[in-house]
Amino acid sequence: MQCIEMEPVYQRQTEDNGSSKEPKKPFFKILCVILVLLICGIAILLSIIALIK
């Protein structure tokens, strides 16, 4: 749930940053995608651990 809400915010930030620094735009997008995936992964792992316990 949180991941879906957070993703558009990161996308907007990368677009704003990318407009002034064109070459770094793809790097920021990849970095934000990795960050979102990490947060989602940790959240899923924690929920699975909580369910097992």
N, C-alpha and C. Protein backbone atom coordinates (compact mmCIF):
# COMPACT_ATOMS: atom_id res chain seq x y z
N MET A 1 0.84 -1.21 0.00
CA MET A 1 0.00 0.00 0.00
C MET A 1 0.87 1.26 0.00
N GLN A 2 1.84 1.31 0.92
CA GLN A 2 2.71 2.49 1.04
C GLN A 2 3.53 2.70 -0.24
N CYS A 3 4.01 1.58 -0.82
CA CYS A 3 4.85 1.66 -2.01
C CYS A 3 4.11 2.35 -3.16
N ILE A 4 2.84 2.01 -3.35
CA ILE A 4 2.03 2.57 -4.43
C ILE A 4 1.87 4.08 -4.22
N GLU A 5 1.70 4.50 -2.97
CA GLU A 5 1.54 5.93 -2.66
C GLU A 5 2.86 6.69 -2.84
N MET A 6 3.97 6.04 -2.50
CA MET A 6 5.28 6.70 -2.52
C MET A 6 5.85 6.84 -3.93
N GLU A 7 5.59 5.87 -4.81
CA GLU A 7 6.20 5.86 -6.14
C GLU A 7 5.97 7.15 -6.94
N PRO A 8 4.72 7.66 -7.05
CA PRO A 8 4.52 8.89 -7.83
C PRO A 8 5.30 10.08 -7.27
N VAL A 9 5.47 10.15 -5.97
CA VAL A 9 6.23 11.24 -5.34
C VAL A 9 7.68 11.20 -5.81
N TYR A 10 8.28 9.99 -5.81
CA TYR A 10 9.66 9.83 -6.27
C TYR A 10 9.78 10.18 -7.75
N GLN A 11 8.80 9.77 -8.55
CA GLN A 11 8.83 10.05 -9.98
C GLN A 11 8.79 11.56 -10.23
N ARG A 12 7.96 12.27 -9.47
CA ARG A 12 7.87 13.73 -9.62
C ARG A 12 9.20 14.39 -9.25
N GLN A 13 9.83 13.93 -8.18
CA GLN A 13 11.11 14.48 -7.74
C GLN A 13 12.19 14.26 -8.80
N THR A 14 12.23 13.06 -9.39
CA THR A 14 13.24 12.75 -10.40
C THR A 14 13.03 13.62 -11.64
N GLU A 15 11.77 13.86 -12.02
CA GLU A 15 11.48 14.70 -13.18
C GLU A 15 11.93 16.14 -12.93
N ASP A 16 11.71 16.65 -11.72
CA ASP A 16 12.13 18.01 -11.37
C ASP A 16 13.66 18.12 -11.38
N ASN A 17 14.34 17.12 -10.81
CA ASN A 17 15.81 17.13 -10.76
C ASN A 17 16.39 16.95 -12.17
N GLY A 18 15.76 16.10 -12.95
CA GLY A 18 16.26 15.78 -14.29
C GLY A 18 16.17 16.93 -15.27
N SER A 19 15.19 17.83 -15.08
CA SER A 19 14.99 18.94 -16.01
C SER A 19 16.20 19.88 -16.03
N SER A 20 16.86 20.06 -14.87
CA SER A 20 18.03 20.94 -14.79
C SER A 20 19.33 20.18 -15.10
N LYS A 21 19.35 18.88 -14.78
CA LYS A 21 20.54 18.05 -15.02
C LYS A 21 20.15 16.88 -15.93
N GLU A 22 20.14 17.13 -17.23
CA GLU A 22 19.67 16.12 -18.21
C GLU A 22 20.47 14.80 -18.15
N PRO A 23 21.81 14.82 -18.12
CA PRO A 23 22.55 13.55 -18.16
C PRO A 23 22.31 12.64 -16.95
N LYS A 24 22.01 13.24 -15.79
CA LYS A 24 21.85 12.46 -14.56
C LYS A 24 20.42 11.93 -14.38
N LYS A 25 19.51 12.30 -15.26
CA LYS A 25 18.10 11.91 -15.13
C LYS A 25 17.91 10.38 -15.05
N PRO A 26 18.48 9.58 -15.97
CA PRO A 26 18.27 8.13 -15.89
C PRO A 26 18.82 7.54 -14.60
N PHE A 27 19.97 8.06 -14.13
CA PHE A 27 20.58 7.56 -12.89
C PHE A 27 19.65 7.79 -11.71
N PHE A 28 19.07 8.98 -11.61
CA PHE A 28 18.15 9.30 -10.51
C PHE A 28 16.91 8.41 -10.56
N LYS A 29 16.40 8.17 -11.77
CA LYS A 29 15.22 7.31 -11.93
C LYS A 29 15.52 5.90 -11.45
N ILE A 30 16.68 5.35 -11.87
CA ILE A 30 17.08 3.99 -11.46
C ILE A 30 17.25 3.95 -9.94
N LEU A 31 17.90 4.97 -9.38
CA LEU A 31 18.15 5.03 -7.94
C LEU A 31 16.83 5.04 -7.17
N CYS A 32 15.87 5.83 -7.61
CA CYS A 32 14.57 5.93 -6.95
C CYS A 32 13.79 4.62 -7.07
N VAL A 33 13.86 3.97 -8.23
CA VAL A 33 13.18 2.68 -8.42
C VAL A 33 13.76 1.64 -7.47
N ILE A 34 15.10 1.60 -7.36
CA ILE A 34 15.77 0.66 -6.45
C ILE A 34 15.34 0.96 -5.01
N LEU A 35 15.29 2.23 -4.65
CA LEU A 35 14.91 2.64 -3.29
C LEU A 35 13.49 2.19 -2.97
N VAL A 36 12.56 2.41 -3.90
CA VAL A 36 11.16 2.01 -3.72
C VAL A 36 11.06 0.49 -3.58
N LEU A 37 11.78 -0.24 -4.45
CA LEU A 37 11.77 -1.71 -4.40
C LEU A 37 12.33 -2.21 -3.08
N LEU A 38 13.40 -1.58 -2.59
CA LEU A 38 13.99 -1.96 -1.30
C LEU A 38 12.99 -1.76 -0.17
N ILE A 39 12.33 -0.61 -0.14
CA ILE A 39 11.34 -0.31 0.91
C ILE A 39 10.20 -1.33 0.85
N CYS A 40 9.72 -1.63 -0.36
CA CYS A 40 8.65 -2.63 -0.54
C CYS A 40 9.11 -4.00 -0.08
N GLY A 41 10.31 -4.38 -0.47
CA GLY A 41 10.88 -5.67 -0.09
C GLY A 41 11.00 -5.83 1.41
N ILE A 42 11.51 -4.81 2.08
CA ILE A 42 11.66 -4.83 3.55
C ILE A 42 10.28 -4.94 4.20
N ALA A 43 9.32 -4.17 3.71
CA ALA A 43 7.95 -4.20 4.26
C ALA A 43 7.33 -5.59 4.11
N ILE A 44 7.50 -6.21 2.94
CA ILE A 44 6.97 -7.56 2.68
C ILE A 44 7.66 -8.57 3.60
N LEU A 45 8.99 -8.48 3.70
CA LEU A 45 9.75 -9.39 4.57
C LEU A 45 9.29 -9.28 6.02
N LEU A 46 9.13 -8.06 6.51
CA LEU A 46 8.69 -7.84 7.89
C LEU A 46 7.30 -8.42 8.12
N SER A 47 6.41 -8.26 7.15
CA SER A 47 5.04 -8.80 7.28
C SER A 47 5.06 -10.33 7.29
N ILE A 48 5.92 -10.93 6.47
CA ILE A 48 6.05 -12.40 6.44
C ILE A 48 6.60 -12.90 7.77
N ILE A 49 7.63 -12.24 8.29
CA ILE A 49 8.23 -12.62 9.58
C ILE A 49 7.19 -12.51 10.69
N ALA A 50 6.41 -11.43 10.65
CA ALA A 50 5.35 -11.22 11.66
C ALA A 50 4.30 -12.34 11.57
N LEU A 51 3.95 -12.75 10.37
CA LEU A 51 2.95 -13.82 10.18
C LEU A 51 3.48 -15.16 10.69
N ILE A 52 4.76 -15.44 10.43
CA ILE A 52 5.37 -16.70 10.88
C ILE A 52 5.38 -16.77 12.41
N LYS A 53 5.76 -15.66 13.03
CA LYS A 53 5.80 -15.61 14.51
C LYS A 53 4.37 -15.62 15.03
